[in-house]
Amino acid sequence: MAEAAGSEDLVNKSVTKAVRLLRELAAQPRTGATVTVLAKAVGISRPTAFRLLFSLERSGLVDRVDNNYVLGWDLARLGRRADPYGGLVARVQPLLQKLADKFNETVSISVPNSQDGVDLIAEAFGSHLVGTGSGMAQHMVGQRWPLHASSSGKVLLAEMPARKAMAVLPEELPAYTEHTITDHDKLLRELQEIREQGFGVIDNELEEGLLSLSRPVRDASGTMIAILTINAPRYRFGRNRIPEALQCMQHIVDGLVGALWSDSAE
């Protein structure tokens, strides 16, 4: 307990508030936002927000265009030099393993990329392998799956306006099994269901016998920053286990948010 209290004492609250402002700017339109809008969104006073934004502007981490603040040129430069996933993987791996141990199945986390797809960046395994006769076994990191036939892909598509979702998909949706959704209108209806229920499922759609369940991980602004997935063969993990899995996944999602954004300064 003393160690935890000591760690909190080391947190610089001004830095934490400045980071919150940067995150909020990332969620704003490219045209930026005023100091009043940002202060309200972050939950700090306008004078405090102004002082922090002034300092960030002097450092090149934000720019001001008229009365709107936007993310700065030097922040972009620094971002290009950062390992996009290394620190993230280290933080999430213990939580992925916890979920994998709970269900004795394979768990993974994916992040949206700049090409309107998702990158699978980390995974954890129970004592069982996912494998049902093809490549959906161990070591999926770095692989990409078709958006319309993967649960993480469907969750990503559900985040997009319908027109954009259809634009990123091929005109003809390839079938991987007889259960793959290849009709665009049917897929759109399922994407609407995913928006309403907050999770996506594939059942025998990417390969026979595979069930995959995904739910989004969101930051404080509501932006989806990752997708948590359980992959399992149906003979061990049927649809009757989805409610239990969703509840456990939500606990892990909450833990992921805490691990990634542990600031608590007011």
Protein backbone atom coordinates (compact mmCIF):
# COMPACT_ATOMS: atom_id res chain seq x y z
CA MET A 1 0.00 0.00 0.00
CA ALA A 2 2.85 2.40 0.88
CA GLU A 3 4.51 1.72 -2.46
CA ALA A 4 1.27 2.50 -4.32
CA ALA A 5 0.85 5.74 -2.37
CA GLY A 6 4.44 6.69 -3.15
CA SER A 7 3.84 6.13 -6.86
CA GLU A 8 0.86 8.48 -6.77
CA ASP A 9 3.00 11.13 -5.08
CA LEU A 10 5.37 11.00 -8.04
CA VAL A 11 2.65 11.91 -10.53
CA ASN A 12 2.92 15.47 -11.80
CA LYS A 13 -0.65 16.68 -12.09
CA SER A 14 0.14 19.43 -14.57
CA VAL A 15 1.74 16.94 -16.94
CA THR A 16 -1.25 14.65 -16.54
CA LYS A 17 -3.66 17.45 -17.41
CA ALA A 18 -1.54 18.44 -20.41
CA VAL A 19 -1.64 14.86 -21.67
CA ARG A 20 -5.42 14.87 -21.30
CA LEU A 21 -5.57 17.97 -23.45
CA LEU A 22 -3.44 16.30 -26.13
CA ARG A 23 -5.71 13.26 -26.13
CA GLU A 24 -8.78 15.44 -26.42
CA LEU A 25 -7.22 17.33 -29.34
CA ALA A 26 -6.65 14.00 -31.06
CA ALA A 27 -10.39 13.31 -30.78
CA GLN A 28 -11.35 16.70 -32.21
CA PRO A 29 -11.73 17.49 -35.94
CA ARG A 30 -8.56 18.46 -37.79
CA THR A 31 -9.75 22.07 -37.58
CA GLY A 32 -9.10 21.85 -33.84
CA ALA A 33 -10.99 23.30 -30.89
CA THR A 34 -11.02 26.41 -28.72
CA VAL A 35 -9.58 26.52 -25.23
CA THR A 36 -13.13 26.72 -23.84
CA VAL A 37 -14.21 23.55 -25.61
CA LEU A 38 -11.06 21.70 -24.56
CA ALA A 39 -11.26 22.82 -20.93
CA LYS A 40 -14.86 21.63 -20.67
CA ALA A 41 -14.12 18.29 -22.36
CA VAL A 42 -11.15 17.58 -20.08
CA GLY A 43 -12.83 18.87 -16.93
CA ILE A 44 -10.39 21.61 -15.95
CA SER A 45 -10.75 25.38 -15.63
CA ARG A 46 -10.32 27.58 -18.68
CA PRO A 47 -7.33 29.49 -17.19
CA THR A 48 -5.57 26.21 -16.40
CA ALA A 49 -6.24 24.89 -19.90
CA PHE A 50 -4.96 28.14 -21.43
CA ARG A 51 -1.69 28.03 -19.45
CA LEU A 52 -1.06 24.41 -20.38
CA LEU A 53 -1.91 24.94 -24.04
CA PHE A 54 0.37 28.00 -24.15
CA SER A 55 3.26 25.90 -22.80
CA LEU A 56 2.50 23.07 -25.24
CA GLU A 57 2.39 25.58 -28.08
CA ARG A 58 5.77 27.01 -27.12
CA SER A 59 7.14 23.44 -27.20
CA GLY A 60 5.66 22.65 -30.63
CA LEU A 61 3.35 19.97 -29.27
CA VAL A 62 0.27 21.98 -30.22
CA ASP A 63 -0.29 24.73 -32.77
CA ARG A 64 -2.86 27.52 -32.74
CA VAL A 65 -4.74 28.48 -35.88
CA ASP A 66 -6.78 31.61 -35.17
CA ASN A 67 -8.53 30.66 -31.92
CA ASN A 68 -8.39 26.90 -32.45
CA TYR A 69 -5.73 24.57 -31.11
CA VAL A 70 -4.53 21.56 -33.11
CA LEU A 71 -1.92 18.89 -32.53
CA GLY A 72 1.50 20.32 -33.23
CA TRP A 73 4.23 19.73 -35.78
CA ASP A 74 6.78 18.49 -33.24
CA LEU A 75 4.33 16.00 -31.79
CA ALA A 76 4.01 14.51 -35.27
CA ARG A 77 7.79 14.37 -35.61
CA LEU A 78 8.20 12.61 -32.28
CA GLY A 79 5.38 10.21 -33.08
CA ARG A 80 7.13 9.05 -36.23
CA ARG A 81 10.13 7.99 -34.13
CA ALA A 82 8.10 6.03 -31.55
CA ASP A 83 7.61 2.28 -31.59
CA PRO A 84 3.86 2.18 -32.25
CA TYR A 85 3.17 -0.99 -30.28
CA GLY A 86 6.09 -1.95 -28.04
CA GLY A 87 4.99 -0.17 -24.88
CA LEU A 88 1.35 -1.01 -25.52
CA VAL A 89 2.05 -4.74 -25.78
CA ALA A 90 4.01 -4.74 -22.51
CA ARG A 91 1.09 -3.12 -20.69
CA VAL A 92 -1.69 -5.30 -22.07
CA GLN A 93 0.00 -8.73 -22.11
CA PRO A 94 -0.74 -9.66 -18.45
CA LEU A 95 -4.42 -8.85 -18.90
CA LEU A 96 -4.64 -10.84 -22.12
CA GLN A 97 -3.09 -13.81 -20.33
CA LYS A 98 -5.59 -13.48 -17.50
CA LEU A 99 -8.48 -13.78 -19.94
CA ALA A 100 -6.79 -16.62 -21.83
CA ASP A 101 -6.32 -18.54 -18.58
CA LYS A 102 -9.93 -17.92 -17.58
CA PHE A 103 -11.36 -19.53 -20.73
CA ASN A 104 -8.37 -21.68 -21.65
CA GLU A 105 -8.52 -20.28 -25.17
CA THR A 106 -6.62 -17.82 -27.34
CA VAL A 107 -7.03 -14.09 -26.71
CA SER A 108 -5.69 -11.28 -28.86
CA ILE A 109 -5.76 -7.52 -29.14
CA SER A 110 -5.80 -5.56 -32.39
CA VAL A 111 -5.50 -1.85 -33.14
CA PRO A 112 -6.94 0.14 -36.06
CA ASN A 113 -4.34 1.18 -38.61
CA SER A 114 -4.17 4.03 -41.11
CA GLN A 115 -5.29 1.79 -43.99
CA ASP A 116 -8.81 1.23 -42.57
CA GLY A 117 -7.81 -2.18 -41.26
CA VAL A 118 -6.65 -3.69 -37.98
CA ASP A 119 -3.23 -4.91 -36.89
CA LEU A 120 -3.12 -7.83 -34.47
CA ILE A 121 -0.33 -6.82 -32.09
CA ALA A 122 -0.48 -9.17 -29.09
CA GLU A 123 -1.91 -12.54 -28.10
CA ALA A 124 -2.07 -14.92 -25.16
CA PHE A 125 -2.87 -18.62 -24.99
CA GLY A 126 -4.59 -21.05 -22.71
CA SER A 127 -3.45 -24.66 -22.67
CA HIS A 128 -5.63 -25.36 -25.72
CA LEU A 129 -4.74 -24.22 -29.22
CA VAL A 130 -7.32 -22.49 -31.36
CA GLY A 131 -6.36 -24.61 -34.35
CA THR A 132 -9.28 -26.22 -36.13
CA GLY A 133 -7.32 -27.51 -39.05
CA SER A 134 -5.88 -24.40 -40.66
CA GLY A 135 -3.84 -21.29 -39.88
CA MET A 136 -5.94 -20.03 -36.96
CA ALA A 137 -3.56 -21.51 -34.41
CA GLN A 138 -0.75 -19.95 -32.44
CA HIS A 139 1.29 -16.91 -33.38
CA MET A 140 -1.25 -14.80 -35.21
CA VAL A 141 0.58 -11.53 -34.46
CA GLY A 142 1.19 -9.64 -37.68
CA GLN A 143 -1.47 -11.51 -39.63
CA ARG A 144 -4.52 -9.77 -41.06
CA TRP A 145 -7.97 -11.18 -41.56
CA PRO A 146 -10.77 -10.15 -43.95
CA LEU A 147 -12.88 -7.45 -42.36
CA HIS A 148 -16.23 -8.97 -43.27
CA ALA A 149 -15.29 -12.45 -42.01
CA SER A 150 -13.55 -11.65 -38.72
CA SER A 151 -15.08 -10.44 -35.47
CA SER A 152 -12.46 -7.71 -35.02
CA GLY A 153 -12.99 -6.61 -38.61
CA LYS A 154 -16.73 -6.37 -38.11
CA VAL A 155 -16.24 -4.28 -34.97
CA LEU A 156 -13.98 -1.95 -36.96
CA LEU A 157 -16.51 -1.68 -39.79
CA ALA A 158 -19.28 -0.95 -37.30
CA GLU A 159 -17.35 2.12 -36.14
CA MET A 160 -17.52 3.59 -39.65
CA PRO A 161 -20.45 5.29 -41.35
CA ALA A 162 -22.18 2.76 -43.59
CA ARG A 163 -20.97 4.45 -46.77
CA LYS A 164 -17.35 4.33 -45.67
CA ALA A 165 -17.65 0.71 -44.50
CA MET A 166 -18.87 -0.30 -47.94
CA ALA A 167 -16.12 1.74 -49.62
CA VAL A 168 -13.30 -0.09 -47.82
CA LEU A 169 -14.72 -3.51 -48.72
CA PRO A 170 -14.32 -5.20 -52.11
CA GLU A 171 -17.27 -5.13 -54.49
CA GLU A 172 -17.53 -8.89 -54.15
CA LEU A 173 -17.12 -10.28 -50.65
CA PRO A 174 -15.23 -13.57 -50.84
CA ALA A 175 -16.72 -16.61 -49.12
CA TYR A 176 -14.42 -18.58 -46.81
CA THR A 177 -17.12 -21.01 -45.72
CA GLU A 178 -20.76 -21.50 -46.62
CA HIS A 179 -21.62 -19.27 -43.64
CA THR A 180 -19.54 -16.24 -44.67
CA ILE A 181 -21.68 -13.15 -45.22
CA THR A 182 -21.20 -12.14 -48.84
CA ASP A 183 -24.25 -9.90 -49.24
CA HIS A 184 -23.50 -6.23 -48.55
CA ASP A 185 -27.00 -5.42 -47.30
CA LYS A 186 -26.96 -8.33 -44.88
CA LEU A 187 -23.55 -7.25 -43.63
CA LEU A 188 -24.81 -3.68 -43.11
CA ARG A 189 -27.67 -5.01 -40.99
CA GLU A 190 -25.22 -6.98 -38.87
CA LEU A 191 -22.98 -3.95 -38.45
CA GLN A 192 -25.96 -2.03 -37.11
CA GLU A 193 -26.55 -4.83 -34.60
CA ILE A 194 -22.91 -4.61 -33.52
CA ARG A 195 -23.27 -0.87 -32.91
CA GLU A 196 -26.32 -1.50 -30.76
CA GLN A 197 -25.02 -4.49 -28.79
CA GLY A 198 -21.40 -3.42 -28.45
CA PHE A 199 -19.67 -6.58 -29.68
CA GLY A 200 -19.09 -8.63 -32.83
CA VAL A 201 -19.18 -12.37 -33.49
CA ILE A 202 -18.20 -14.71 -36.28
CA ASP A 203 -19.53 -18.24 -36.18
CA ASN A 204 -18.15 -20.64 -38.82
CA GLU A 205 -17.60 -17.66 -41.13
CA LEU A 206 -13.81 -17.55 -41.50
CA GLU A 207 -13.28 -21.26 -41.11
CA GLU A 208 -15.54 -24.14 -40.15
CA GLY A 209 -15.70 -24.74 -36.43
CA LEU A 210 -14.28 -21.37 -35.37
CA LEU A 211 -16.14 -18.95 -33.13
CA SER A 212 -14.63 -15.54 -32.50
CA LEU A 213 -15.92 -12.82 -30.17
CA SER A 214 -14.68 -9.21 -30.15
CA ARG A 215 -15.47 -6.05 -28.26
CA PRO A 216 -13.97 -2.55 -28.52
CA VAL A 217 -11.64 -0.78 -26.12
CA ARG A 218 -12.34 2.97 -25.96
CA ASP A 219 -10.52 5.96 -24.56
CA ALA A 220 -12.15 8.65 -22.42
CA SER A 221 -13.51 10.44 -25.48
CA GLY A 222 -15.24 7.29 -26.71
CA THR A 223 -12.83 6.68 -29.57
CA MET A 224 -12.11 3.02 -30.25
CA ILE A 225 -8.37 2.47 -29.82
CA ALA A 226 -8.21 -1.34 -29.76
CA ILE A 227 -10.28 -4.51 -30.13
CA LEU A 228 -10.18 -7.42 -27.68
CA THR A 229 -10.90 -10.87 -29.14
CA ILE A 230 -11.41 -14.45 -27.99
CA ASN A 231 -10.88 -17.17 -30.62
CA ALA A 232 -12.01 -20.72 -29.90
CA PRO A 233 -13.32 -23.87 -31.59
CA ARG A 234 -17.09 -24.23 -31.31
CA TYR A 235 -16.94 -27.69 -29.77
CA ARG A 236 -15.36 -26.10 -26.68
CA PHE A 237 -16.77 -22.60 -26.89
CA GLY A 238 -20.33 -22.42 -28.17
CA ARG A 239 -22.75 -19.50 -28.35
CA ASN A 240 -24.08 -20.36 -24.90
CA ARG A 241 -20.79 -19.10 -23.43
CA ILE A 242 -20.98 -15.67 -25.08
CA PRO A 243 -22.79 -13.88 -22.19
CA GLU A 244 -20.22 -15.07 -19.65
CA ALA A 245 -17.36 -14.23 -21.99
CA LEU A 246 -18.67 -10.72 -22.66
CA GLN A 247 -18.87 -10.01 -18.95
CA CYS A 248 -15.30 -11.19 -18.38
CA MET A 249 -14.11 -9.31 -21.44
CA GLN A 250 -15.61 -6.09 -20.09
CA HIS A 251 -13.62 -6.52 -16.88
CA ILE A 252 -10.48 -6.94 -18.98
CA VAL A 253 -11.40 -3.91 -21.11
CA ASP A 254 -11.74 -1.85 -17.93
CA GLY A 255 -8.35 -3.15 -16.83
CA LEU A 256 -6.83 -2.26 -20.19
CA VAL A 257 -8.13 1.29 -19.94
CA GLY A 258 -6.65 1.55 -16.46
CA ALA A 259 -3.32 0.16 -17.64
CA LEU A 260 -3.12 2.51 -20.60
CA TRP A 261 -4.45 5.64 -18.92
CA SER A 262 -3.76 5.45 -15.22
CA ASP A 263 -3.81 9.20 -14.63
CA SER A 264 -6.12 10.29 -11.87
CA ALA A 265 -5.10 13.87 -11.30
CA GLU A 266 -7.93 16.40 -11.17
